[in-house]
Amino acid sequence: MIRVLGIVGSPRVGGNTESLVAEALKVAGEEGAETELVRLADKEVKPCDGCLSCRRTGECRIEDDFRPIFDKIVEADGIILYSPVCFGSAAPQIKALIDRAGYLSGVKGRVFEN
């Protein structure tokens, strides 16, 4: 079964960003995919602090909700990342997730192999 993960980067629950991701996941589900929606507004994902401890351990030392989300990203066959535009850029919540996921995925040769 194909797994599609939708990540809502908006700090607002139930807003336009979430509605659009939910609609995309609905269509994917109608096509037979297993879907899941993750709201970053419900989670705490702190920004990377550049400590580089993940280079030594393969794990991020920051204790927050990042790791379970990262594990879902790695397990997914498809990922929908969606963010509102905040001051000309993506929302801080999704930027923190992308930065940490991108860095950790390259640690010790780990790459997305799905």
PDB file of N, CA and C in Angstrom:
ATOM      1  N   MET A   1       0.841  -1.181   0.000  1.00  0.00           N
ATOM      2  CA  MET A   1       0.000   0.000   0.000  1.00  0.00           C
ATOM      3  C   MET A   1       0.885   1.242   0.000  1.00  0.00           C
ATOM      4  N   ILE A   2       0.501   2.204  -0.797  1.00  0.00           N
ATOM      5  CA  ILE A   2       1.188   3.497  -0.872  1.00  0.00           C
ATOM      6  C   ILE A   2       0.788   4.329   0.345  1.00  0.00           C
ATOM      7  N   ARG A   3       1.782   4.946   0.989  1.00  0.00           N
ATOM      8  CA  ARG A   3       1.524   5.815   2.137  1.00  0.00           C
ATOM      9  C   ARG A   3       1.853   7.257   1.771  1.00  0.00           C
ATOM     10  N   VAL A   4       0.879   8.137   1.988  1.00  0.00           N
ATOM     11  CA  VAL A   4       1.071   9.561   1.700  1.00  0.00           C
ATOM     12  C   VAL A   4       0.895  10.340   2.998  1.00  0.00           C
ATOM     13  N   LEU A   5       1.896  11.127   3.317  1.00  0.00           N
ATOM     14  CA  LEU A   5       1.894  11.945   4.527  1.00  0.00           C
ATOM     15  C   LEU A   5       1.702  13.403   4.131  1.00  0.00           C
ATOM     16  N   GLY A   6       0.721  14.050   4.711  1.00  0.00           N
ATOM     17  CA  GLY A   6       0.488  15.468   4.490  1.00  0.00           C
ATOM     18  C   GLY A   6       0.905  16.251   5.718  1.00  0.00           C
ATOM     19  N   ILE A   7       1.811  17.192   5.553  1.00  0.00           N
ATOM     20  CA  ILE A   7       2.299  17.990   6.672  1.00  0.00           C
ATOM     21  C   ILE A   7       1.842  19.431   6.480  1.00  0.00           C
ATOM     22  N   VAL A   8       1.050  19.904   7.428  1.00  0.00           N
ATOM     23  CA  VAL A   8       0.509  21.258   7.388  1.00  0.00           C
ATOM     24  C   VAL A   8       1.451  22.156   8.193  1.00  0.00           C
ATOM     25  N   GLY A   9       2.086  23.090   7.505  1.00  0.00           N
ATOM     26  CA  GLY A   9       3.067  23.958   8.145  1.00  0.00           C
ATOM     27  C   GLY A   9       2.500  25.230   8.733  1.00  0.00           C
ATOM     28  N   SER A  10       1.193  25.393   8.682  1.00  0.00           N
ATOM     29  CA  SER A  10       0.581  26.605   9.203  1.00  0.00           C
ATOM     30  C   SER A  10       0.493  26.571  10.730  1.00  0.00           C
ATOM     31  N   PRO A  11       0.675  27.725  11.379  1.00  0.00           N
ATOM     32  CA  PRO A  11       0.475  27.786  12.818  1.00  0.00           C
ATOM     33  C   PRO A  11      -1.013  27.792  13.203  1.00  0.00           C
ATOM     34  N   ARG A  12      -1.907  27.886  12.200  1.00  0.00           N
ATOM     35  CA  ARG A  12      -3.354  27.916  12.454  1.00  0.00           C
ATOM     36  C   ARG A  12      -3.979  26.557  12.168  1.00  0.00           C
ATOM     37  N   VAL A  13      -4.712  26.035  13.128  1.00  0.00           N
ATOM     38  CA  VAL A  13      -5.453  24.785  12.951  1.00  0.00           C
ATOM     39  C   VAL A  13      -6.746  25.086  12.192  1.00  0.00           C
ATOM     40  N   GLY A  14      -7.038  24.286  11.174  1.00  0.00           N
ATOM     41  CA  GLY A  14      -8.294  24.413  10.454  1.00  0.00           C
ATOM     42  C   GLY A  14      -8.342  25.525   9.424  1.00  0.00           C
ATOM     43  N   GLY A  15      -7.210  26.104   9.088  1.00  0.00           N
ATOM     44  CA  GLY A  15      -7.190  27.193   8.115  1.00  0.00           C
ATOM     45  C   GLY A  15      -7.137  26.694   6.680  1.00  0.00           C
ATOM     46  N   ASN A  16      -6.881  27.615   5.769  1.00  0.00           N
ATOM     47  CA  ASN A  16      -6.836  27.282   4.346  1.00  0.00           C
ATOM     48  C   ASN A  16      -5.764  26.253   4.014  1.00  0.00           C
ATOM     49  N   THR A  17      -4.604  26.379   4.606  1.00  0.00           N
ATOM     50  CA  THR A  17      -3.509  25.446   4.340  1.00  0.00           C
ATOM     51  C   THR A  17      -3.930  24.030   4.698  1.00  0.00           C
ATOM     52  N   GLU A  18      -4.518  23.876   5.867  1.00  0.00           N
ATOM     53  CA  GLU A  18      -4.965  22.547   6.299  1.00  0.00           C
ATOM     54  C   GLU A  18      -6.062  22.014   5.386  1.00  0.00           C
ATOM     55  N   SER A  19      -6.983  22.867   4.985  1.00  0.00           N
ATOM     56  CA  SER A  19      -8.069  22.435   4.096  1.00  0.00           C
ATOM     57  C   SER A  19      -7.531  21.906   2.772  1.00  0.00           C
ATOM     58  N   LEU A  20      -6.533  22.576   2.215  1.00  0.00           N
ATOM     59  CA  LEU A  20      -5.965  22.147   0.950  1.00  0.00           C
ATOM     60  C   LEU A  20      -5.205  20.831   1.077  1.00  0.00           C
ATOM     61  N   VAL A  21      -4.450  20.667   2.149  1.00  0.00           N
ATOM     62  CA  VAL A  21      -3.744  19.400   2.365  1.00  0.00           C
ATOM     63  C   VAL A  21      -4.753  18.271   2.587  1.00  0.00           C
ATOM     64  N   ALA A  22      -5.796  18.535   3.362  1.00  0.00           N
ATOM     65  CA  ALA A  22      -6.828  17.521   3.606  1.00  0.00           C
ATOM     66  C   ALA A  22      -7.495  17.095   2.301  1.00  0.00           C
ATOM     67  N   GLU A  23      -7.738  18.036   1.416  1.00  0.00           N
ATOM     68  CA  GLU A  23      -8.352  17.709   0.119  1.00  0.00           C
ATOM     69  C   GLU A  23      -7.419  16.846  -0.727  1.00  0.00           C
ATOM     70  N   ALA A  24      -6.141  17.183  -0.743  1.00  0.00           N
ATOM     71  CA  ALA A  24      -5.166  16.379  -1.488  1.00  0.00           C
ATOM     72  C   ALA A  24      -5.082  14.964  -0.917  1.00  0.00           C
ATOM     73  N   LEU A  25      -5.114  14.839   0.408  1.00  0.00           N
ATOM     74  CA  LEU A  25      -5.071  13.519   1.034  1.00  0.00           C
ATOM     75  C   LEU A  25      -6.355  12.742   0.764  1.00  0.00           C
ATOM     76  N   LYS A  26      -7.469  13.433   0.691  1.00  0.00           N
ATOM     77  CA  LYS A  26      -8.743  12.791   0.376  1.00  0.00           C
ATOM     78  C   LYS A  26      -8.675  12.142  -1.008  1.00  0.00           C
ATOM     79  N   VAL A  27      -8.145  12.884  -1.967  1.00  0.00           N
ATOM     80  CA  VAL A  27      -8.020  12.353  -3.327  1.00  0.00           C
ATOM     81  C   VAL A  27      -7.058  11.165  -3.345  1.00  0.00           C
ATOM     82  N   ALA A  28      -5.943  11.280  -2.637  1.00  0.00           N
ATOM     83  CA  ALA A  28      -4.993  10.172  -2.571  1.00  0.00           C
ATOM     84  C   ALA A  28      -5.652   8.940  -1.946  1.00  0.00           C
ATOM     85  N   GLY A  29      -6.450   9.161  -0.912  1.00  0.00           N
ATOM     86  CA  GLY A  29      -7.168   8.057  -0.274  1.00  0.00           C
ATOM     87  C   GLY A  29      -8.169   7.402  -1.211  1.00  0.00           C
ATOM     88  N   GLU A  30      -8.846   8.212  -2.006  1.00  0.00           N
ATOM     89  CA  GLU A  30      -9.798   7.671  -2.983  1.00  0.00           C
ATOM     90  C   GLU A  30      -9.099   6.824  -4.043  1.00  0.00           C
ATOM     91  N   GLU A  31      -7.827   7.101  -4.264  1.00  0.00           N
ATOM     92  CA  GLU A  31      -7.039   6.316  -5.225  1.00  0.00           C
ATOM     93  C   GLU A  31      -6.380   5.104  -4.571  1.00  0.00           C
ATOM     94  N   GLY A  32      -6.664   4.891  -3.294  1.00  0.00           N
ATOM     95  CA  GLY A  32      -6.171   3.692  -2.612  1.00  0.00           C
ATOM     96  C   GLY A  32      -5.006   3.886  -1.681  1.00  0.00           C
ATOM     97  N   ALA A  33      -4.531   5.107  -1.520  1.00  0.00           N
ATOM     98  CA  ALA A  33      -3.394   5.347  -0.634  1.00  0.00           C
ATOM     99  C   ALA A  33      -3.839   5.394   0.825  1.00  0.00           C
ATOM    100  N   GLU A  34      -2.946   4.981   1.686  1.00  0.00           N
ATOM    101  CA  GLU A  34      -3.121   5.175   3.127  1.00  0.00           C
ATOM    102  C   GLU A  34      -2.604   6.583   3.408  1.00  0.00           C
ATOM    103  N   THR A  35      -3.392   7.410   4.080  1.00  0.00           N
ATOM    104  CA  THR A  35      -3.008   8.806   4.278  1.00  0.00           C
ATOM    105  C   THR A  35      -2.967   9.182   5.749  1.00  0.00           C
ATOM    106  N   GLU A  36      -2.170  10.185   6.026  1.00  0.00           N
ATOM    107  CA  GLU A  36      -2.104  10.742   7.376  1.00  0.00           C
ATOM    108  C   GLU A  36      -1.792  12.225   7.278  1.00  0.00           C
ATOM    109  N   LEU A  37      -2.444  13.006   8.109  1.00  0.00           N
ATOM    110  CA  LEU A  37      -2.224  14.444   8.168  1.00  0.00           C
ATOM    111  C   LEU A  37      -1.539  14.786   9.483  1.00  0.00           C
ATOM    112  N   VAL A  38      -0.471  15.561   9.403  1.00  0.00           N
ATOM    113  CA  VAL A  38       0.246  16.043  10.584  1.00  0.00           C
ATOM    114  C   VAL A  38       0.163  17.558  10.588  1.00  0.00           C
ATOM    115  N   ARG A  39      -0.345  18.107  11.681  1.00  0.00           N
ATOM    116  CA  ARG A  39      -0.418  19.560  11.862  1.00  0.00           C
ATOM    117  C   ARG A  39       0.754  20.004  12.726  1.00  0.00           C
ATOM    118  N   LEU A  40       1.615  20.834  12.181  1.00  0.00           N
ATOM    119  CA  LEU A  40       2.721  21.334  12.994  1.00  0.00           C
ATOM    120  C   LEU A  40       2.243  22.290  14.066  1.00  0.00           C
ATOM    121  N   ALA A  41       1.043  22.846  13.903  1.00  0.00           N
ATOM    122  CA  ALA A  41       0.477  23.723  14.932  1.00  0.00           C
ATOM    123  C   ALA A  41       0.221  22.954  16.226  1.00  0.00           C
ATOM    124  N   ASP A  42       0.037  21.654  16.120  1.00  0.00           N
ATOM    125  CA  ASP A  42      -0.199  20.801  17.287  1.00  0.00           C
ATOM    126  C   ASP A  42       1.096  20.251  17.876  1.00  0.00           C
ATOM    127  N   LYS A  43       2.213  20.558  17.243  1.00  0.00           N
ATOM    128  CA  LYS A  43       3.499  19.966  17.618  1.00  0.00           C
ATOM    129  C   LYS A  43       4.503  21.054  17.985  1.00  0.00           C
ATOM    130  N   GLU A  44       5.550  20.621  18.640  1.00  0.00           N
ATOM    131  CA  GLU A  44       6.671  21.519  18.916  1.00  0.00           C
ATOM    132  C   GLU A  44       7.881  20.986  18.158  1.00  0.00           C
ATOM    133  N   VAL A  45       8.317  21.732  17.159  1.00  0.00           N
ATOM    134  CA  VAL A  45       9.533  21.397  16.420  1.00  0.00           C
ATOM    135  C   VAL A  45      10.455  22.606  16.541  1.00  0.00           C
ATOM    136  N   LYS A  46      11.459  22.457  17.368  1.00  0.00           N
ATOM    137  CA  LYS A  46      12.402  23.548  17.609  1.00  0.00           C
ATOM    138  C   LYS A  46      13.392  23.630  16.453  1.00  0.00           C
ATOM    139  N   PRO A  47      13.950  24.807  16.214  1.00  0.00           N
ATOM    140  CA  PRO A  47      14.942  24.929  15.143  1.00  0.00           C
ATOM    141  C   PRO A  47      16.245  24.236  15.518  1.00  0.00           C
ATOM    142  N   CYS A  48      16.998  23.854  14.501  1.00  0.00           N
ATOM    143  CA  CYS A  48      18.326  23.278  14.703  1.00  0.00           C
ATOM    144  C   CYS A  48      19.204  24.322  15.393  1.00  0.00           C
ATOM    145  N   ASP A  49      19.982  23.866  16.371  1.00  0.00           N
ATOM    146  CA  ASP A  49      20.881  24.803  17.057  1.00  0.00           C
ATOM    147  C   ASP A  49      22.342  24.640  16.610  1.00  0.00           C
ATOM    148  N   GLY A  50      22.564  23.800  15.605  1.00  0.00           N
ATOM    149  CA  GLY A  50      23.899  23.655  15.028  1.00  0.00           C
ATOM    150  C   GLY A  50      24.914  22.982  15.927  1.00  0.00           C
ATOM    151  N   CYS A  51      24.463  22.189  16.900  1.00  0.00           N
ATOM    152  CA  CYS A  51      25.400  21.565  17.843  1.00  0.00           C
ATOM    153  C   CYS A  51      26.211  20.430  17.211  1.00  0.00           C
ATOM    154  N   LEU A  52      25.712  19.864  16.125  1.00  0.00           N
ATOM    155  CA  LEU A  52      26.349  18.775  15.388  1.00  0.00           C
ATOM    156  C   LEU A  52      26.438  17.461  16.166  1.00  0.00           C
ATOM    157  N   SER A  53      25.696  17.336  17.269  1.00  0.00           N
ATOM    158  CA  SER A  53      25.720  16.069  18.013  1.00  0.00           C
ATOM    159  C   SER A  53      25.167  14.927  17.162  1.00  0.00           C
ATOM    160  N   CYS A  54      24.300  15.238  16.194  1.00  0.00           N
ATOM    161  CA  CYS A  54      23.749  14.185  15.331  1.00  0.00           C
ATOM    162  C   CYS A  54      24.837  13.545  14.469  1.00  0.00           C
ATOM    163  N   ARG A  55      25.917  14.255  14.224  1.00  0.00           N
ATOM    164  CA  ARG A  55      27.027  13.667  13.467  1.00  0.00           C
ATOM    165  C   ARG A  55      27.683  12.537  14.256  1.00  0.00           C
ATOM    166  N   ARG A  56      27.718  12.683  15.574  1.00  0.00           N
ATOM    167  CA  ARG A  56      28.340  11.665  16.415  1.00  0.00           C
ATOM    168  C   ARG A  56      27.386  10.530  16.743  1.00  0.00           C
ATOM    169  N   THR A  57      26.112  10.858  16.968  1.00  0.00           N
ATOM    170  CA  THR A  57      25.175   9.860  17.478  1.00  0.00           C
ATOM    171  C   THR A  57      24.167   9.352  16.448  1.00  0.00           C
ATOM    172  N   GLY A  58      23.964  10.108  15.360  1.00  0.00           N
ATOM    173  CA  GLY A  58      22.943   9.736  14.385  1.00  0.00           C
ATOM    174  C   GLY A  58      21.544  10.146  14.813  1.00  0.00           C
ATOM    175  N   GLU A  59      21.446  10.817  15.942  1.00  0.00           N
ATOM    176  CA  GLU A  59      20.163  11.274  16.479  1.00  0.00           C
ATOM    177  C   GLU A  59      20.272  12.751  16.839  1.00  0.00           C
ATOM    178  N   CYS A  60      19.149  13.439  16.736  1.00  0.00           N
ATOM    179  CA  CYS A  60      19.107  14.830  17.175  1.00  0.00           C
ATOM    180  C   CYS A  60      18.937  14.860  18.696  1.00  0.00           C
ATOM    181  N   ARG A  61      19.707  15.701  19.352  1.00  0.00           N
ATOM    182  CA  ARG A  61      19.636  15.761  20.820  1.00  0.00           C
ATOM    183  C   ARG A  61      18.476  16.618  21.331  1.00  0.00           C
ATOM    184  N   ILE A  62      17.861  17.405  20.456  1.00  0.00           N
ATOM    185  CA  ILE A  62      16.772  18.287  20.858  1.00  0.00           C
ATOM    186  C   ILE A  62      15.535  17.443  21.162  1.00  0.00           C
ATOM    187  N   GLU A  63      14.982  17.645  22.336  1.00  0.00           N
ATOM    188  CA  GLU A  63      13.800  16.881  22.745  1.00  0.00           C
ATOM    189  C   GLU A  63      12.540  17.666  22.413  1.00  0.00           C
ATOM    190  N   ASP A  64      11.845  17.203  21.384  1.00  0.00           N
ATOM    191  CA  ASP A  64      10.593  17.823  20.949  1.00  0.00           C
ATOM    192  C   ASP A  64       9.836  16.799  20.108  1.00  0.00           C
ATOM    193  N   ASP A  65       8.938  17.249  19.275  1.00  0.00           N
ATOM    194  CA  ASP A  65       8.112  16.334  18.479  1.00  0.00           C
ATOM    195  C   ASP A  65       8.713  16.000  17.117  1.00  0.00           C
ATOM    196  N   PHE A  66       9.943  16.395  16.864  1.00  0.00           N
ATOM    197  CA  PHE A  66      10.546  16.179  15.553  1.00  0.00           C
ATOM    198  C   PHE A  66      10.700  14.710  15.187  1.00  0.00           C
ATOM    199  N   ARG A  67      11.253  13.902  16.059  1.00  0.00           N
ATOM    200  CA  ARG A  67      11.619  12.520  15.700  1.00  0.00           C
ATOM    201  C   ARG A  67      10.431  11.694  15.199  1.00  0.00           C
ATOM    202  N   PRO A  68       9.287  11.693  15.879  1.00  0.00           N
ATOM    203  CA  PRO A  68       8.156  10.915  15.351  1.00  0.00           C
ATOM    204  C   PRO A  68       7.711  11.400  13.971  1.00  0.00           C
ATOM    205  N   ILE A  69       7.788  12.705  13.730  1.00  0.00           N
ATOM    206  CA  ILE A  69       7.424  13.227  12.413  1.00  0.00           C
ATOM    207  C   ILE A  69       8.461  12.787  11.385  1.00  0.00           C
ATOM    208  N   PHE A  70       9.728  12.871  11.727  1.00  0.00           N
ATOM    209  CA  PHE A  70      10.794  12.452  10.814  1.00  0.00           C
ATOM    210  C   PHE A  70      10.644  10.981  10.454  1.00  0.00           C
ATOM    211  N   ASP A  71      10.328  10.151  11.437  1.00  0.00           N
ATOM    212  CA  ASP A  71      10.136   8.721  11.167  1.00  0.00           C
ATOM    213  C   ASP A  71       8.985   8.501  10.180  1.00  0.00           C
ATOM    214  N   LYS A  72       7.914   9.270  10.315  1.00  0.00           N
ATOM    215  CA  LYS A  72       6.795   9.169   9.375  1.00  0.00           C
ATOM    216  C   LYS A  72       7.223   9.607   7.970  1.00  0.00           C
ATOM    217  N   ILE A  73       8.063  10.631   7.893  1.00  0.00           N
ATOM    218  CA  ILE A  73       8.565  11.096   6.599  1.00  0.00           C
ATOM    219  C   ILE A  73       9.362   9.988   5.917  1.00  0.00           C
ATOM    220  N   VAL A  74      10.243   9.354   6.668  1.00  0.00           N
ATOM    221  CA  VAL A  74      11.077   8.287   6.113  1.00  0.00           C
ATOM    222  C   VAL A  74      10.219   7.116   5.639  1.00  0.00           C
ATOM    223  N   GLU A  75       9.155   6.794   6.364  1.00  0.00           N
ATOM    224  CA  GLU A  75       8.302   5.652   6.020  1.00  0.00           C
ATOM    225  C   GLU A  75       7.334   5.946   4.873  1.00  0.00           C
ATOM    226  N   ALA A  76       7.089   7.215   4.578  1.00  0.00           N
ATOM    227  CA  ALA A  76       6.099   7.581   3.561  1.00  0.00           C
ATOM    228  C   ALA A  76       6.627   7.344   2.151  1.00  0.00           C
ATOM    229  N   ASP A  77       5.704   6.991   1.267  1.00  0.00           N
ATOM    230  CA  ASP A  77       6.025   6.879  -0.154  1.00  0.00           C
ATOM    231  C   ASP A  77       5.857   8.226  -0.847  1.00  0.00           C
ATOM    232  N   GLY A  78       4.987   9.060  -0.304  1.00  0.00           N
ATOM    233  CA  GLY A  78       4.753  10.393  -0.837  1.00  0.00           C
ATOM    234  C   GLY A  78       4.553  11.367   0.301  1.00  0.00           C
ATOM    235  N   ILE A  79       5.039  12.590   0.119  1.00  0.00           N
ATOM    236  CA  ILE A  79       4.951  13.608   1.163  1.00  0.00           C
ATOM    237  C   ILE A  79       4.395  14.893   0.555  1.00  0.00           C
ATOM    238  N   ILE A  80       3.409  15.458   1.213  1.00  0.00           N
ATOM    239  CA  ILE A  80       2.888  16.759   0.832  1.00  0.00           C
ATOM    240  C   ILE A  80       3.289  17.728   1.938  1.00  0.00           C
ATOM    241  N   LEU A  81       4.140  18.683   1.615  1.00  0.00           N
ATOM    242  CA  LEU A  81       4.532  19.732   2.558  1.00  0.00           C
ATOM    243  C   LEU A  81       3.844  21.005   2.093  1.00  0.00           C
ATOM    244  N   TYR A  82       3.097  21.630   2.975  1.00  0.00           N
ATOM    245  CA  TYR A  82       2.383  22.829   2.562  1.00  0.00           C
ATOM    246  C   TYR A  82       2.464  23.864   3.664  1.00  0.00           C
ATOM    247  N   SER A  83       2.740  25.087   3.262  1.00  0.00           N
ATOM    248  CA  SER A  83       2.888  26.175   4.216  1.00  0.00           C
ATOM    249  C   SER A  83       2.277  27.441   3.645  1.00  0.00           C
ATOM    250  N   PRO A  84       1.700  28.254   4.504  1.00  0.00           N
ATOM    251  CA  PRO A  84       1.321  29.589   4.044  1.00  0.00           C
ATOM    252  C   PRO A  84       2.593  30.420   3.858  1.00  0.00           C
ATOM    253  N   VAL A  85       2.473  31.508   3.148  1.00  0.00           N
ATOM    254  CA  VAL A  85       3.597  32.431   2.992  1.00  0.00           C
ATOM    255  C   VAL A  85       3.524  33.433   4.131  1.00  0.00           C
ATOM    256  N   CYS A  86       4.588  33.483   4.910  1.00  0.00           N
ATOM    257  CA  CYS A  86       4.666  34.405   6.049  1.00  0.00           C
ATOM    258  C   CYS A  86       5.843  35.338   5.819  1.00  0.00           C
ATOM    259  N   PHE A  87       5.566  36.594   5.577  1.00  0.00           N
ATOM    260  CA  PHE A  87       6.612  37.588   5.348  1.00  0.00           C
ATOM    261  C   PHE A  87       7.551  37.161   4.214  1.00  0.00           C
ATOM    262  N   GLY A  88       6.961  36.644   3.145  1.00  0.00           N
ATOM    263  CA  GLY A  88       7.732  36.292   1.960  1.00  0.00           C
ATOM    264  C   GLY A  88       8.439  34.952   2.023  1.00  0.00           C
ATOM    265  N   SER A  89       8.129  34.122   3.000  1.00  0.00           N
ATOM    266  CA  SER A  89       8.797  32.830   3.146  1.00  0.00           C
ATOM    267  C   SER A  89       7.829  31.822   3.748  1.00  0.00           C
ATOM    268  N   ALA A  90       8.267  30.593   3.854  1.00  0.00           N
ATOM    269  CA  ALA A  90       7.465  29.560   4.508  1.00  0.00           C
ATOM    270  C   ALA A  90       7.357  29.865   6.000  1.00  0.00           C
ATOM    271  N   ALA A  91       6.338  29.320   6.624  1.00  0.00           N
ATOM    272  CA  ALA A  91       6.132  29.519   8.065  1.00  0.00           C
ATOM    273  C   ALA A  91       7.315  28.937   8.850  1.00  0.00           C
ATOM    274  N   PRO A  92       7.660  29.549   9.964  1.00  0.00           N
ATOM    275  CA  PRO A  92       8.795  29.073  10.762  1.00  0.00           C
ATOM    276  C   PRO A  92       8.672  27.610  11.181  1.00  0.00           C
ATOM    277  N   GLN A  93       7.457  27.136  11.443  1.00  0.00           N
ATOM    278  CA  GLN A  93       7.259  25.766  11.883  1.00  0.00           C
ATOM    279  C   GLN A  93       7.765  24.768  10.841  1.00  0.00           C
ATOM    280  N   ILE A  94       7.422  25.007   9.575  1.00  0.00           N
ATOM    281  CA  ILE A  94       7.833  24.055   8.536  1.00  0.00           C
ATOM    282  C   ILE A  94       9.299  24.248   8.159  1.00  0.00           C
ATOM    283  N   LYS A  95       9.797  25.470   8.276  1.00  0.00           N
ATOM    284  CA  LYS A  95      11.214  25.697   8.002  1.00  0.00           C
ATOM    285  C   LYS A  95      12.081  24.935   9.000  1.00  0.00           C
ATOM    286  N   ALA A  96      11.689  24.932  10.269  1.00  0.00           N
ATOM    287  CA  ALA A  96      12.448  24.186  11.277  1.00  0.00           C
ATOM    288  C   ALA A  96      12.427  22.690  10.964  1.00  0.00           C
ATOM    289  N   LEU A  97      11.270  22.172  10.579  1.00  0.00           N
ATOM    290  CA  LEU A  97      11.153  20.752  10.242  1.00  0.00           C
ATOM    291  C   LEU A  97      12.035  20.410   9.041  1.00  0.00           C
ATOM    292  N   ILE A  98      11.969  21.209   7.993  1.00  0.00           N
ATOM    293  CA  ILE A  98      12.747  20.949   6.785  1.00  0.00           C
ATOM    294  C   ILE A  98      14.242  21.003   7.086  1.00  0.00           C
ATOM    295  N   ASP A  99      14.675  22.002   7.846  1.00  0.00           N
ATOM    296  CA  ASP A  99      16.099  22.124   8.174  1.00  0.00           C
ATOM    297  C   ASP A  99      16.593  20.899   8.925  1.00  0.00           C
ATOM    298  N   ARG A 100      15.877  20.502   9.944  1.00  0.00           N
ATOM    299  CA  ARG A 100      16.329  19.364  10.742  1.00  0.00           C
ATOM    300  C   ARG A 100      16.208  18.052   9.994  1.00  0.00           C
ATOM    301  N   ALA A 101      15.152  17.870   9.220  1.00  0.00           N
ATOM    302  CA  ALA A 101      14.994  16.634   8.444  1.00  0.00           C
ATOM    303  C   ALA A 101      16.080  16.534   7.385  1.00  0.00           C
ATOM    304  N   GLY A 102      16.374  17.640   6.729  1.00  0.00           N
ATOM    305  CA  GLY A 102      17.405  17.636   5.698  1.00  0.00           C
ATOM    306  C   GLY A 102      18.773  17.316   6.253  1.00  0.00           C
ATOM    307  N   TYR A 103      19.070  17.871   7.398  1.00  0.00           N
ATOM    308  CA  TYR A 103      20.374  17.627   7.997  1.00  0.00           C
ATOM    309  C   TYR A 103      20.475  16.197   8.515  1.00  0.00           C
ATOM    310  N   LEU A 104      19.472  15.747   9.260  1.00  0.00           N
ATOM    311  CA  LEU A 104      19.530  14.418   9.851  1.00  0.00           C
ATOM    312  C   LEU A 104      19.508  13.330   8.786  1.00  0.00           C
ATOM    313  N   SER A 105      18.848  13.571   7.665  1.00  0.00           N
ATOM    314  CA  SER A 105      18.786  12.549   6.618  1.00  0.00           C
ATOM    315  C   SER A 105      20.161  12.289   6.010  1.00  0.00           C
ATOM    316  N   GLY A 106      21.074  13.247   6.088  1.00  0.00           N
ATOM    317  CA  GLY A 106      22.408  13.071   5.541  1.00  0.00           C
ATOM    318  C   GLY A 106      23.436  12.584   6.548  1.00  0.00           C
ATOM    319  N   VAL A 107      23.065  12.516   7.816  1.00  0.00           N
ATOM    320  CA  VAL A 107      23.992  12.112   8.867  1.00  0.00           C
ATOM    321  C   VAL A 107      24.344  10.631   8.711  1.00  0.00           C
ATOM    322  N   LYS A 108      25.620  10.332   8.799  1.00  0.00           N
ATOM    323  CA  LYS A 108      26.129   8.964   8.701  1.00  0.00           C
ATOM    324  C   LYS A 108      25.617   8.252   7.456  1.00  0.00           C
ATOM    325  N   GLY A 109      25.515   8.991   6.365  1.00  0.00           N
ATOM    326  CA  GLY A 109      25.112   8.384   5.103  1.00  0.00           C
ATOM    327  C   GLY A 109      23.646   8.038   5.001  1.00  0.00           C
ATOM    328  N   ARG A 110      22.839   8.427   5.991  1.00  0.00           N
ATOM    329  CA  ARG A 110      21.423   8.098   5.943  1.00  0.00           C
ATOM    330  C   ARG A 110      20.749   8.943   4.876  1.00  0.00           C
ATOM    331  N   VAL A 111      20.086   8.300   3.978  1.00  0.00           N
ATOM    332  CA  VAL A 111      19.310   8.999   2.955  1.00  0.00           C
ATOM    333  C   VAL A 111      17.952   8.332   2.858  1.00  0.00           C
ATOM    334  N   PHE A 112      17.036   9.019   2.222  1.00  0.00           N
ATOM    335  CA  PHE A 112      15.723   8.432   2.021  1.00  0.00           C
ATOM    336  C   PHE A 112      15.850   7.332   0.984  1.00  0.00           C
ATOM    337  N   GLU A 113      15.578   6.106   1.393  1.00  0.00           N
ATOM    338  CA  GLU A 113      15.737   4.963   0.501  1.00  0.00           C
ATOM    339  C   GLU A 113      14.424   4.365   0.084  1.00  0.00           C
ATOM    340  N   ASN A 114      13.309   4.961   0.448  1.00  0.00           N
ATOM    341  CA  ASN A 114      12.001   4.380   0.086  1.00  0.00           C
ATOM    342  C   ASN A 114      11.758   4.495  -1.373  1.00  0.00           C
TER     343      ASN A 114
END
